[in-house]
């Protein structure tokens, strides 16, 4: 009898709800509706909704053209969709309907795509495999967030009907990960890569050397890694990538159409190298390893010829491991190097980069020397940086130096959101989500021709960051906004609309197991609607 009464108590409220619905004519819960085409981050260049939604079912195939690259993108998509849908989703070159990935010449450029969705299927068309891959990221976001989970979910798996036409505003949409202050394993870097590509980031800048650690093996100078890589901020064990490790990162990134840009910071930020080899110091005395966070105290010895033998060896070996076009030589905060020596050093080092087939990238202090032809300067100053320093960068841009914009008080992802943020630094100020998003790269630096801006990059320095959860908490929700600045047309830039689209991403981050910061500037609870 007690069990019967308990059952009645539990059923009672449900019966009352059902009775009320029958009396009042209340409608049942609405059926699932697909994500609107204009909810994607970064915002597509053009969306035209219309027609019926497509539903992925057990019978859906992923049809690809015969090209090996298209099949690779198809297999990638299948690995995303199979765990959550429970469907086989075979990748095939035959059949009709379903999901089709098609390479075809058209007005797409290297990375653009077109997505057409209707009752009979979804087709992503691009001129190049990178465009197909970016189109697949859009398709992911058009599906329910539960599609990202690694166990079978109930669905339904609907894709809204209509057409998206999309090409990026800038060719450089980067994220930098500092693996020198704290070391991150190959698997941790891969995890970040997978998060970056969801938002169409196409450059991974790896900061491989600094005062606190040297993170890449070098056959010519082996103690760089074995000794110089043996610690990190706070005195932890550090670590380094073997050449095989680094090649695996490069391979994995390339499989997701992300280009790795390695950085060896010079002539400052070099204590790990100086500690490893006494002969690199002007006085021939190696300093101790460093585990603090101060900057500007170290410098290679510009007047010694062995310095350039060292640089040649390091660049030669890294260039041989890096199929991408660029090699970053740092150049920032060289406070212990005189201006004359800095200019001499850059005049000697930039031709070495060219000798091994790479294009120079340097922090914007490179513009205080003579940037090589085709070089890119990465601006990391603040809104309040002196007019003189900004003018120096603008003059270089006016005579052909391309710019990557990474203003520290806008897109340095290691800056605290607020003074209460438990991680990060605040030397550039506090950077909440709106501040990170609400600026225009094309109009940021006075006197810079629009064509000189090659894109944007969000650096993540790791003085206070020790694991993937730390990185994610600082990257999300700011990283998608930086990605949108790099991808979406300037005309789409609007904080009020963006914050709603951003809010809708939170469920996807949860499904992916991403740690993130619940900024009060974003209407998370409303799901952005």
Protein backbone atom coordinates (compact mmCIF):
# COMPACT_ATOMS: atom_id res chain seq x y z
CA UNK A 1 0.00 0.00 0.00
CA UNK A 2 2.84 2.42 0.77
CA UNK A 3 4.31 1.85 -2.68
CA UNK A 4 0.91 2.50 -4.28
CA UNK A 5 0.49 5.79 -2.43
CA UNK A 6 4.01 6.86 -3.46
CA UNK A 7 3.22 6.14 -7.10
CA UNK A 8 0.06 8.22 -6.86
CA UNK A 9 1.98 11.09 -5.31
CA UNK A 10 4.49 10.99 -8.19
CA UNK A 11 1.87 10.62 -10.92
CA UNK A 12 -0.50 13.17 -9.46
CA UNK A 13 1.27 16.32 -10.73
CA UNK A 14 1.78 14.75 -14.16
CA UNK A 15 -1.90 13.86 -14.42
CA UNK A 16 -2.86 17.38 -13.43
CA UNK A 17 -0.57 18.84 -16.11
CA UNK A 18 -2.05 16.55 -18.75
CA UNK A 19 -5.60 17.42 -17.65
CA UNK A 20 -4.82 21.12 -17.75
CA UNK A 21 -3.45 20.77 -21.25
CA UNK A 22 -6.58 18.98 -22.45
CA UNK A 23 -8.84 21.62 -20.94
CA UNK A 24 -6.91 24.67 -22.11
CA UNK A 25 -5.88 23.29 -25.47
CA UNK A 26 -2.19 23.88 -24.68
CA UNK A 27 0.05 22.68 -27.48
CA UNK A 28 2.56 19.90 -26.91
CA UNK A 29 6.27 20.74 -26.87
CA UNK A 30 7.33 21.96 -30.31
CA UNK A 31 9.21 19.58 -32.59
CA UNK A 32 12.93 20.11 -32.99
CA UNK A 33 13.80 22.86 -35.47
CA UNK A 34 17.08 23.20 -37.32
CA UNK A 35 19.68 25.83 -36.50
CA UNK A 36 19.14 28.88 -38.74
CA UNK A 37 21.83 29.44 -41.36
CA UNK A 38 22.75 32.82 -39.89
CA UNK A 39 23.66 31.39 -36.46
CA UNK A 40 27.14 30.28 -37.56
CA UNK A 41 30.40 31.67 -36.10
CA UNK A 42 32.26 33.17 -37.93
CA UNK A 43 29.36 34.85 -39.73
CA UNK A 44 29.19 33.67 -43.36
CA UNK A 45 29.46 36.22 -46.15
CA UNK A 46 25.95 35.40 -47.41
CA UNK A 47 23.03 33.31 -46.15
CA UNK A 48 19.76 32.75 -48.02
CA UNK A 49 17.35 30.54 -46.07
CA UNK A 50 14.61 28.67 -47.85
CA UNK A 51 13.09 25.31 -48.58
CA UNK A 52 12.89 22.17 -46.50
CA UNK A 53 15.48 21.00 -44.04
CA UNK A 54 17.61 17.93 -44.72
CA UNK A 55 17.55 15.13 -42.16
CA UNK A 56 20.57 12.88 -41.67
CA UNK A 57 19.37 9.30 -41.23
CA UNK A 58 20.79 5.81 -41.02
CA UNK A 59 20.68 5.68 -44.80
CA UNK A 60 22.74 8.84 -45.34
CA UNK A 61 25.94 8.51 -47.36
CA UNK A 62 28.79 11.02 -47.58
CA UNK A 63 29.51 11.30 -51.28
CA UNK A 64 32.84 12.71 -52.40
CA UNK A 65 34.57 13.36 -55.69
CA UNK A 66 37.42 11.06 -56.62
CA UNK A 67 40.09 13.45 -55.36
CA UNK A 68 42.11 12.08 -52.44
CA UNK A 69 41.79 15.37 -50.56
CA UNK A 70 37.99 15.40 -50.88
CA UNK A 71 37.83 11.86 -49.57
CA UNK A 72 40.00 12.91 -46.63
CA UNK A 73 37.55 15.69 -45.74
CA UNK A 74 34.68 13.22 -46.09
CA UNK A 75 36.34 10.75 -43.73
CA UNK A 76 36.97 13.59 -41.26
CA UNK A 77 33.28 14.52 -41.35
CA UNK A 78 32.28 10.89 -40.86
CA UNK A 79 34.46 10.62 -37.75
CA UNK A 80 32.65 13.65 -36.31
CA UNK A 81 29.14 12.38 -37.07
CA UNK A 82 29.30 8.63 -36.45
CA UNK A 83 29.71 8.52 -32.65
CA UNK A 84 26.78 10.81 -31.88
CA UNK A 85 24.35 9.67 -34.60
CA UNK A 86 25.18 5.98 -34.41
CA UNK A 87 24.85 5.86 -38.21
CA UNK A 88 27.36 4.13 -40.52
CA UNK A 89 27.66 7.14 -42.88
CA UNK A 90 29.82 5.44 -45.51
CA UNK A 91 32.11 7.67 -47.57
CA UNK A 92 31.58 6.85 -51.22
CA UNK A 93 32.06 8.21 -54.72
CA UNK A 94 28.66 6.98 -55.94
CA UNK A 95 25.01 7.59 -55.26
CA UNK A 96 22.73 10.61 -55.03
CA UNK A 97 21.39 12.71 -52.20
CA UNK A 98 22.84 12.61 -48.72
CA UNK A 99 25.87 14.77 -48.00
CA UNK A 100 28.00 15.63 -51.00
CA UNK A 101 31.47 17.21 -50.94
CA UNK A 102 32.37 18.53 -54.35
CA UNK A 103 35.49 20.17 -55.77
CA UNK A 104 34.68 22.50 -58.66
CA UNK A 105 36.19 25.67 -60.03
CA UNK A 106 34.20 28.72 -59.10
CA UNK A 107 34.30 32.05 -57.26
CA UNK A 108 35.46 30.47 -54.03
CA UNK A 109 39.16 31.32 -53.84
CA UNK A 110 41.47 29.06 -51.87
CA UNK A 111 39.31 28.78 -48.77
CA UNK A 112 35.76 29.72 -49.75
CA UNK A 113 32.83 27.38 -50.24
CA UNK A 114 29.14 27.17 -51.01
CA UNK A 115 26.71 25.09 -48.95
CA UNK A 116 23.31 24.15 -50.41
CA UNK A 117 20.78 22.34 -48.24
CA UNK A 118 17.35 20.97 -49.07
CA UNK A 119 15.09 18.00 -48.52
CA UNK A 120 17.19 15.67 -50.68
CA UNK A 121 20.59 16.48 -49.23
CA UNK A 122 23.41 18.88 -48.42
CA UNK A 123 26.13 19.80 -50.93
CA UNK A 124 29.35 21.62 -50.04
CA UNK A 125 31.18 22.93 -53.10
CA UNK A 126 34.65 24.48 -53.12
CA UNK A 127 37.51 25.07 -55.53
CA UNK A 128 40.12 23.73 -53.10
CA UNK A 129 40.12 21.13 -50.32
CA UNK A 130 40.59 23.82 -47.65
CA UNK A 131 37.27 25.32 -48.73
CA UNK A 132 35.56 21.95 -48.41
CA UNK A 133 36.99 21.60 -44.93
CA UNK A 134 35.75 25.05 -43.88
CA UNK A 135 32.33 24.21 -45.32
CA UNK A 136 32.26 21.08 -43.18
CA UNK A 137 32.86 23.24 -40.07
CA UNK A 138 29.80 25.27 -41.03
CA UNK A 139 27.81 22.08 -41.49
CA UNK A 140 28.83 20.98 -37.98
CA UNK A 141 27.46 24.20 -36.52
CA UNK A 142 24.18 23.81 -38.40
CA UNK A 143 23.62 20.48 -36.66
CA UNK A 144 22.57 20.23 -33.00
CA UNK A 145 25.40 20.66 -30.51
CA UNK A 146 24.93 17.05 -29.38
CA UNK A 147 26.52 15.98 -32.66
CA UNK A 148 29.87 16.70 -30.99
CA UNK A 149 29.40 14.07 -28.27
CA UNK A 150 31.21 10.73 -28.37
CA UNK A 151 28.17 8.58 -27.54
CA UNK A 152 24.90 7.98 -29.39
CA UNK A 153 22.40 10.84 -29.00
CA UNK A 154 18.69 10.91 -29.92
CA UNK A 155 18.77 13.56 -32.66
CA UNK A 156 16.99 14.42 -34.92
CA UNK A 157 19.86 15.60 -37.14
CA UNK A 158 18.38 18.43 -39.18
CA UNK A 159 20.17 20.90 -41.46
CA UNK A 160 18.17 24.03 -42.32
CA UNK A 161 17.29 24.55 -45.97
CA UNK A 162 18.94 27.29 -47.99
CA UNK A 163 22.29 28.44 -49.34
CA UNK A 164 25.44 29.81 -47.76
CA UNK A 165 28.14 31.47 -49.88
CA UNK A 166 31.27 32.16 -47.94
CA UNK A 167 34.83 33.41 -48.43
CA UNK A 168 37.25 34.81 -45.81
CA UNK A 169 38.07 38.47 -45.39
CA UNK A 170 41.74 37.74 -44.56
CA UNK A 171 44.12 34.95 -45.49
CA UNK A 172 45.85 34.94 -42.09
CA UNK A 173 43.59 33.87 -39.23
CA UNK A 174 45.96 32.69 -36.56
CA UNK A 175 46.31 31.51 -33.00
CA UNK A 176 49.61 31.38 -31.16
CA UNK A 177 50.35 28.88 -28.41
CA UNK A 178 53.31 29.54 -26.13
CA UNK A 179 54.80 26.14 -25.31
CA UNK A 180 57.94 27.69 -23.83
CA UNK A 181 56.78 29.22 -20.53
CA UNK A 182 54.87 26.00 -19.88
CA UNK A 183 55.28 22.94 -22.06
CA UNK A 184 52.27 21.37 -23.75
CA UNK A 185 52.36 17.81 -25.04
CA UNK A 186 51.65 16.73 -28.61
CA UNK A 187 48.17 15.54 -27.57
CA UNK A 188 47.42 18.85 -25.86
CA UNK A 189 48.45 20.76 -28.97
CA UNK A 190 46.26 18.49 -31.11
CA UNK A 191 43.31 19.17 -28.83
CA UNK A 192 43.77 22.91 -29.32
CA UNK A 193 44.09 22.41 -33.08
CA UNK A 194 40.70 20.69 -33.15
CA UNK A 195 39.15 23.60 -31.29
CA UNK A 196 40.75 26.18 -33.58
CA UNK A 197 39.55 24.66 -36.84
CA UNK A 198 35.91 24.67 -35.74
CA UNK A 199 36.14 28.45 -36.17
CA UNK A 200 38.14 28.36 -39.42
CA UNK A 201 41.49 29.39 -37.93
CA UNK A 202 44.17 28.50 -40.50
CA UNK A 203 47.51 29.30 -38.82
CA UNK A 204 49.00 27.77 -35.68
CA UNK A 205 51.93 29.87 -34.48
CA UNK A 206 54.03 27.80 -32.07
CA UNK A 207 56.29 29.85 -29.78
CA UNK A 208 59.04 27.24 -29.45
CA UNK A 209 61.77 29.07 -27.55
CA UNK A 210 62.05 31.60 -24.78
CA UNK A 211 63.99 32.34 -21.62
CA UNK A 212 62.22 29.56 -19.72
CA UNK A 213 62.51 26.72 -22.21
CA UNK A 214 63.66 25.51 -25.62
CA UNK A 215 61.08 23.10 -27.01
CA UNK A 216 62.36 21.65 -30.30
CA UNK A 217 65.16 19.13 -30.78
CA UNK A 218 68.15 20.28 -32.81
CA UNK A 219 70.76 17.80 -33.97
CA UNK A 220 73.48 20.43 -34.38
CA UNK A 221 72.97 21.87 -30.88
CA UNK A 222 71.44 19.02 -28.85
CA UNK A 223 71.70 20.67 -25.42
CA UNK A 224 69.16 23.28 -26.53
CA UNK A 225 66.40 20.73 -25.93
CA UNK A 226 67.90 18.32 -23.42
CA UNK A 227 69.15 21.05 -21.08
CA UNK A 228 67.43 24.23 -22.25
CA UNK A 229 64.10 22.41 -22.38
CA UNK A 230 64.43 20.83 -18.93
CA UNK A 231 62.40 23.38 -16.99
CA UNK A 232 59.57 25.91 -17.23
CA UNK A 233 57.96 28.74 -15.28
CA UNK A 234 57.82 27.76 -11.64
CA UNK A 235 60.50 25.10 -12.00
CA UNK A 236 58.47 22.24 -13.47
CA UNK A 237 60.05 19.51 -15.60
CA UNK A 238 59.47 21.27 -18.94
CA UNK A 239 59.90 19.07 -21.98
CA UNK A 240 60.58 19.30 -25.70
CA UNK A 241 59.38 17.94 -29.01
CA UNK A 242 61.52 15.41 -30.79
CA UNK A 243 61.65 15.93 -34.51
CA UNK A 244 59.11 13.12 -34.85
CA UNK A 245 56.83 14.86 -32.36
CA UNK A 246 57.02 18.13 -34.23
CA UNK A 247 56.38 16.42 -37.57
CA UNK A 248 53.30 14.77 -36.06
CA UNK A 249 51.96 18.16 -34.96
CA UNK A 250 52.62 19.53 -38.45
CA UNK A 251 50.94 16.50 -40.07
CA UNK A 252 47.90 16.66 -37.82
CA UNK A 253 47.51 20.39 -38.39
CA UNK A 254 47.85 19.96 -42.16
CA UNK A 255 45.14 17.28 -42.14
CA UNK A 256 42.88 20.03 -40.80
CA UNK A 257 44.14 22.71 -43.22
CA UNK A 258 46.03 24.53 -40.51
CA UNK A 259 49.55 25.75 -41.29
CA UNK A 260 52.14 25.57 -38.52
CA UNK A 261 54.32 28.70 -38.15
CA UNK A 262 57.29 27.93 -35.87
CA UNK A 263 58.88 30.72 -33.87
CA UNK A 264 62.43 30.93 -32.56
CA UNK A 265 62.51 34.21 -30.65
CA UNK A 266 65.74 36.19 -31.21
CA UNK A 267 67.93 38.02 -30.24
CA UNK A 268 66.16 38.47 -26.88
CA UNK A 269 64.10 35.87 -25.02
CA UNK A 270 67.07 33.53 -25.40
CA UNK A 271 68.14 32.57 -21.88
CA UNK A 272 67.39 28.88 -22.44
CA UNK A 273 69.82 28.87 -25.39
CA UNK A 274 72.41 30.96 -23.55
CA UNK A 275 72.25 28.59 -20.57
CA UNK A 276 72.74 25.61 -22.87
CA UNK A 277 75.84 26.90 -24.70
CA UNK A 278 78.32 29.24 -23.04
CA UNK A 279 79.84 30.28 -26.38
CA UNK A 280 76.61 32.08 -27.34
CA UNK A 281 77.25 34.59 -24.55
CA UNK A 282 79.52 37.58 -25.16
CA UNK A 283 81.51 36.80 -21.99
CA UNK A 284 81.59 33.04 -22.66
CA UNK A 285 79.79 32.31 -19.38
CA UNK A 286 76.49 30.44 -19.42
CA UNK A 287 73.80 31.86 -17.13
CA UNK A 288 71.64 29.56 -15.02
CA UNK A 289 68.33 28.24 -16.32
CA UNK A 290 65.47 30.65 -15.68
CA UNK A 291 62.01 29.86 -14.29
CA UNK A 292 60.63 33.35 -13.62
CA UNK A 293 58.46 35.61 -15.76
CA UNK A 294 60.52 38.79 -16.25
CA UNK A 295 61.41 39.78 -19.81
CA UNK A 296 64.08 41.73 -21.66
CA UNK A 297 67.21 40.62 -19.82
CA UNK A 298 68.75 38.18 -22.33
CA UNK A 299 70.43 38.59 -25.70
CA UNK A 300 72.43 36.56 -28.15
CA UNK A 301 75.90 37.98 -28.74
CA UNK A 302 75.49 39.95 -31.95
CA UNK A 303 79.23 40.45 -32.49
CA UNK A 304 80.20 36.75 -32.42
CA UNK A 305 80.27 34.78 -35.65
CA UNK A 306 79.24 31.62 -33.77
CA UNK A 307 75.86 33.30 -33.19
CA UNK A 308 75.11 33.16 -36.91
CA UNK A 309 76.36 29.58 -37.20
CA UNK A 310 73.90 28.77 -34.43
CA UNK A 311 71.04 30.64 -36.11
CA UNK A 312 71.79 29.02 -39.47
CA UNK A 313 71.75 25.53 -37.96
CA UNK A 314 68.54 26.10 -36.03
CA UNK A 315 66.67 27.66 -38.94
CA UNK A 316 67.92 25.04 -41.40
CA UNK A 317 66.69 22.16 -39.26
CA UNK A 318 63.31 23.70 -38.42
CA UNK A 319 62.73 24.78 -42.02
CA UNK A 320 63.36 21.22 -43.16
CA UNK A 321 60.63 19.99 -40.80
CA UNK A 322 58.11 22.70 -41.73
CA UNK A 323 56.34 22.52 -45.09
CA UNK A 324 54.58 25.85 -44.52
CA UNK A 325 55.73 29.11 -46.01
CA UNK A 326 56.61 31.06 -42.87
CA UNK A 327 59.20 31.09 -40.09
CA UNK A 328 58.85 33.52 -37.18
CA UNK A 329 62.07 35.01 -35.77
CA UNK A 330 60.55 36.93 -32.85
CA UNK A 331 62.42 40.16 -32.29
CA UNK A 332 60.35 41.60 -29.44
CA UNK A 333 61.50 42.98 -26.10
CA UNK A 334 65.19 42.86 -27.02
CA UNK A 335 65.94 45.38 -24.28
CA UNK A 336 69.43 44.04 -23.66
CA UNK A 337 70.39 44.49 -27.33
CA UNK A 338 71.37 47.97 -28.51
CA UNK A 339 69.45 49.39 -31.44
CA UNK A 340 72.57 49.23 -33.61
CA UNK A 341 73.15 45.57 -32.71
CA UNK A 342 69.46 44.77 -33.26
CA UNK A 343 69.59 46.18 -36.79
CA UNK A 344 72.83 44.29 -37.48
CA UNK A 345 71.34 41.06 -36.18
CA UNK A 346 68.18 41.32 -38.27
CA UNK A 347 70.21 42.20 -41.37
CA UNK A 348 72.20 38.99 -40.86
CA UNK A 349 69.35 36.66 -39.86
CA UNK A 350 66.60 37.51 -42.36
CA UNK A 351 68.65 36.30 -45.36
CA UNK A 352 69.22 32.99 -43.54
CA UNK A 353 65.46 32.48 -43.38
CA UNK A 354 65.22 33.18 -47.11
CA UNK A 355 68.12 30.82 -47.83
CA UNK A 356 66.06 27.95 -46.47
CA UNK A 357 62.99 28.85 -48.45
CA UNK A 358 60.90 30.57 -45.81
CA UNK A 359 59.28 33.98 -45.44
CA UNK A 360 60.17 36.04 -42.37
CA UNK A 361 57.59 36.87 -39.74
CA UNK A 362 58.64 38.98 -36.76
CA UNK A 363 57.02 40.91 -33.97
CA UNK A 364 56.45 44.52 -34.97
CA UNK A 365 59.77 45.69 -33.49
CA UNK A 366 61.19 44.26 -36.72
CA UNK A 367 60.01 47.48 -38.38
CA UNK A 368 62.69 49.31 -36.37
CA UNK A 369 65.23 47.53 -38.54
CA UNK A 370 64.75 46.86 -42.26
CA UNK A 371 62.17 44.12 -42.86
CA UNK A 372 63.08 41.79 -45.71
CA UNK A 373 61.04 41.94 -48.89
CA UNK A 374 57.80 40.07 -48.32
CA UNK A 375 58.26 39.93 -44.54
CA UNK A 376 55.29 40.17 -42.19
CA UNK A 377 55.32 42.18 -38.98
CA UNK A 378 53.05 41.10 -36.13
CA UNK A 379 51.73 44.12 -34.23
CA UNK A 380 51.20 43.44 -30.53
CA UNK A 381 50.97 47.00 -29.18
CA UNK A 382 48.04 48.52 -27.35
CA UNK A 383 45.38 51.05 -28.22
CA UNK A 384 47.52 53.44 -26.17
CA UNK A 385 50.88 52.60 -27.74
CA UNK A 386 52.74 55.76 -28.70
CA UNK A 387 51.90 57.47 -31.96
CA UNK A 388 55.59 57.30 -32.86
CA UNK A 389 55.71 53.51 -32.56
CA UNK A 390 52.49 53.12 -34.53
CA UNK A 391 53.84 55.46 -37.21
CA UNK A 392 56.98 53.32 -37.53
CA UNK A 393 54.79 50.29 -38.23
CA UNK A 394 52.64 52.27 -40.66
CA UNK A 395 55.71 53.46 -42.62
CA UNK A 396 56.86 49.87 -43.04
CA UNK A 397 53.38 48.89 -44.21
CA UNK A 398 53.34 51.74 -46.72
CA UNK A 399 56.45 50.37 -48.43
CA UNK A 400 55.37 46.75 -48.59
CA UNK A 401 55.63 45.05 -45.20
CA UNK A 402 52.48 43.08 -44.49
CA UNK A 403 50.90 43.23 -41.04
CA UNK A 404 49.32 40.68 -38.75
CA UNK A 405 47.29 42.39 -36.05
CA UNK A 406 47.49 41.06 -32.49
CA UNK A 407 46.89 44.09 -30.26
CA UNK A 408 47.56 42.88 -26.73
CA UNK A 409 44.68 44.73 -25.10
CA UNK A 410 42.28 43.22 -27.63
CA UNK A 411 43.32 39.69 -28.57
CA UNK A 412 46.01 38.46 -26.17
CA UNK A 413 44.03 35.52 -24.84
CA UNK A 414 46.16 35.28 -21.72
CA UNK A 415 44.94 38.64 -20.45
CA UNK A 416 42.50 38.38 -17.56
CA UNK A 417 38.84 39.00 -18.34
CA UNK A 418 38.39 40.90 -15.07
CA UNK A 419 40.47 41.41 -11.94
CA UNK A 420 38.77 38.33 -10.46
CA UNK A 421 39.94 36.00 -13.23
CA UNK A 422 42.06 33.30 -11.53
CA UNK A 423 44.38 32.81 -14.52
CA UNK A 424 46.27 35.11 -16.82
CA UNK A 425 48.06 38.45 -16.56
CA UNK A 426 46.85 42.05 -16.69
CA UNK A 427 49.78 44.15 -17.91
CA UNK A 428 47.76 45.07 -21.03
CA UNK A 429 44.59 45.58 -18.98
CA UNK A 430 41.48 43.47 -18.59
CA UNK A 431 40.04 42.11 -21.83
CA UNK A 432 36.40 41.10 -21.65
CA UNK A 433 34.63 39.42 -24.56
CA UNK A 434 33.18 42.56 -26.11
CA UNK A 435 36.51 44.39 -26.06
CA UNK A 436 38.19 41.45 -27.75
CA UNK A 437 35.60 41.42 -30.55
CA UNK A 438 34.61 45.04 -31.00
CA UNK A 439 37.33 46.53 -33.22
CA UNK A 440 38.10 46.53 -36.94
CA UNK A 441 41.48 45.18 -38.10
CA UNK A 442 41.18 47.11 -41.36
CA UNK A 443 41.00 50.47 -39.60
CA UNK A 444 42.97 49.82 -36.42
CA UNK A 445 46.37 51.40 -37.15
CA UNK A 446 46.42 54.94 -38.56
CA UNK A 447 48.18 55.35 -41.88
CA UNK A 448 48.22 51.63 -42.74
CA UNK A 449 46.94 50.82 -46.24
CA UNK A 450 44.06 48.37 -46.14
CA UNK A 451 45.89 45.93 -48.37
CA UNK A 452 48.82 45.76 -45.95
CA UNK A 453 46.70 44.03 -43.28
CA UNK A 454 47.04 40.31 -43.93
CA UNK A 455 44.95 39.19 -41.00
CA UNK A 456 44.66 38.71 -37.26
CA UNK A 457 46.13 36.39 -34.68
CA UNK A 458 45.22 35.59 -31.07
CA UNK A 459 48.33 34.84 -28.98
CA UNK A 460 48.11 32.67 -25.87
CA UNK A 461 51.10 33.21 -23.57
CA UNK A 462 51.47 30.57 -20.90
CA UNK A 463 53.13 32.11 -17.84
CA UNK A 464 50.09 31.10 -15.75
CA UNK A 465 48.66 28.31 -17.91
CA UNK A 466 49.65 24.74 -17.15
CA UNK A 467 47.13 22.48 -18.91
CA UNK A 468 44.46 22.28 -21.61
CA UNK A 469 41.70 23.37 -19.25
CA UNK A 470 43.60 26.58 -18.51
CA UNK A 471 44.12 27.27 -22.22
CA UNK A 472 40.46 26.65 -23.01
CA UNK A 473 39.18 28.85 -20.18
CA UNK A 474 41.17 31.77 -21.55
CA UNK A 475 40.38 31.05 -25.21
CA UNK A 476 36.64 30.58 -24.87
CA UNK A 477 34.62 32.65 -25.45
CA UNK A 478 37.13 35.15 -26.93
CA UNK A 479 38.73 33.00 -29.63
CA UNK A 480 35.60 32.69 -31.83
CA UNK A 481 35.34 36.48 -31.94
CA UNK A 482 38.90 36.87 -33.16
CA UNK A 483 38.20 34.19 -35.76
CA UNK A 484 35.17 36.16 -36.91
CA UNK A 485 37.27 39.34 -37.25
CA UNK A 486 39.55 37.41 -39.57
CA UNK A 487 36.92 35.59 -41.59
CA UNK A 488 33.70 37.58 -41.82
CA UNK A 489 33.05 40.69 -43.92
CA UNK A 490 33.39 43.97 -42.07
CA UNK A 491 29.73 44.74 -42.84
CA UNK A 492 28.63 41.83 -40.64
CA UNK A 493 30.42 43.19 -37.58
CA UNK A 494 27.87 43.96 -34.88
CA UNK A 495 28.28 43.14 -31.20
CA UNK A 496 24.56 42.97 -30.42
CA UNK A 497 23.95 40.33 -33.08
CA UNK A 498 27.24 38.56 -32.45
CA UNK A 499 26.72 38.00 -28.72
CA UNK A 500 23.55 36.03 -29.45
CA UNK A 501 25.32 33.79 -31.94
CA UNK A 502 28.17 33.38 -29.48
CA UNK A 503 25.80 32.37 -26.68
CA UNK A 504 24.46 29.58 -28.85
CA UNK A 505 27.99 28.11 -29.05
CA UNK A 506 28.12 27.29 -25.33
CA UNK A 507 26.15 24.07 -25.68
CA UNK A 508 28.64 22.91 -28.31
CA UNK A 509 31.60 23.67 -26.03
CA UNK A 510 29.93 21.65 -23.28
CA UNK A 511 29.42 18.74 -25.67
CA UNK A 512 33.11 18.90 -26.61
CA UNK A 513 34.20 19.04 -22.97
CA UNK A 514 35.72 22.51 -23.35
CA UNK A 515 36.31 24.61 -20.25
CA UNK A 516 35.00 28.15 -20.77
CA UNK A 517 34.38 31.45 -19.02
CA UNK A 518 30.78 32.50 -18.48
CA UNK A 519 31.13 36.18 -19.32
CA UNK A 520 28.28 38.35 -17.97
CA UNK A 521 28.39 40.29 -21.24
CA UNK A 522 26.84 37.35 -23.14
CA UNK A 523 23.22 36.12 -22.74
CA UNK A 524 24.16 32.48 -22.13
CA UNK A 525 20.96 31.49 -20.38
CA UNK A 526 18.84 32.55 -23.32
CA UNK A 527 20.87 30.38 -25.67
CA UNK A 528 21.36 33.54 -27.68
CA UNK A 529 17.76 33.62 -28.80
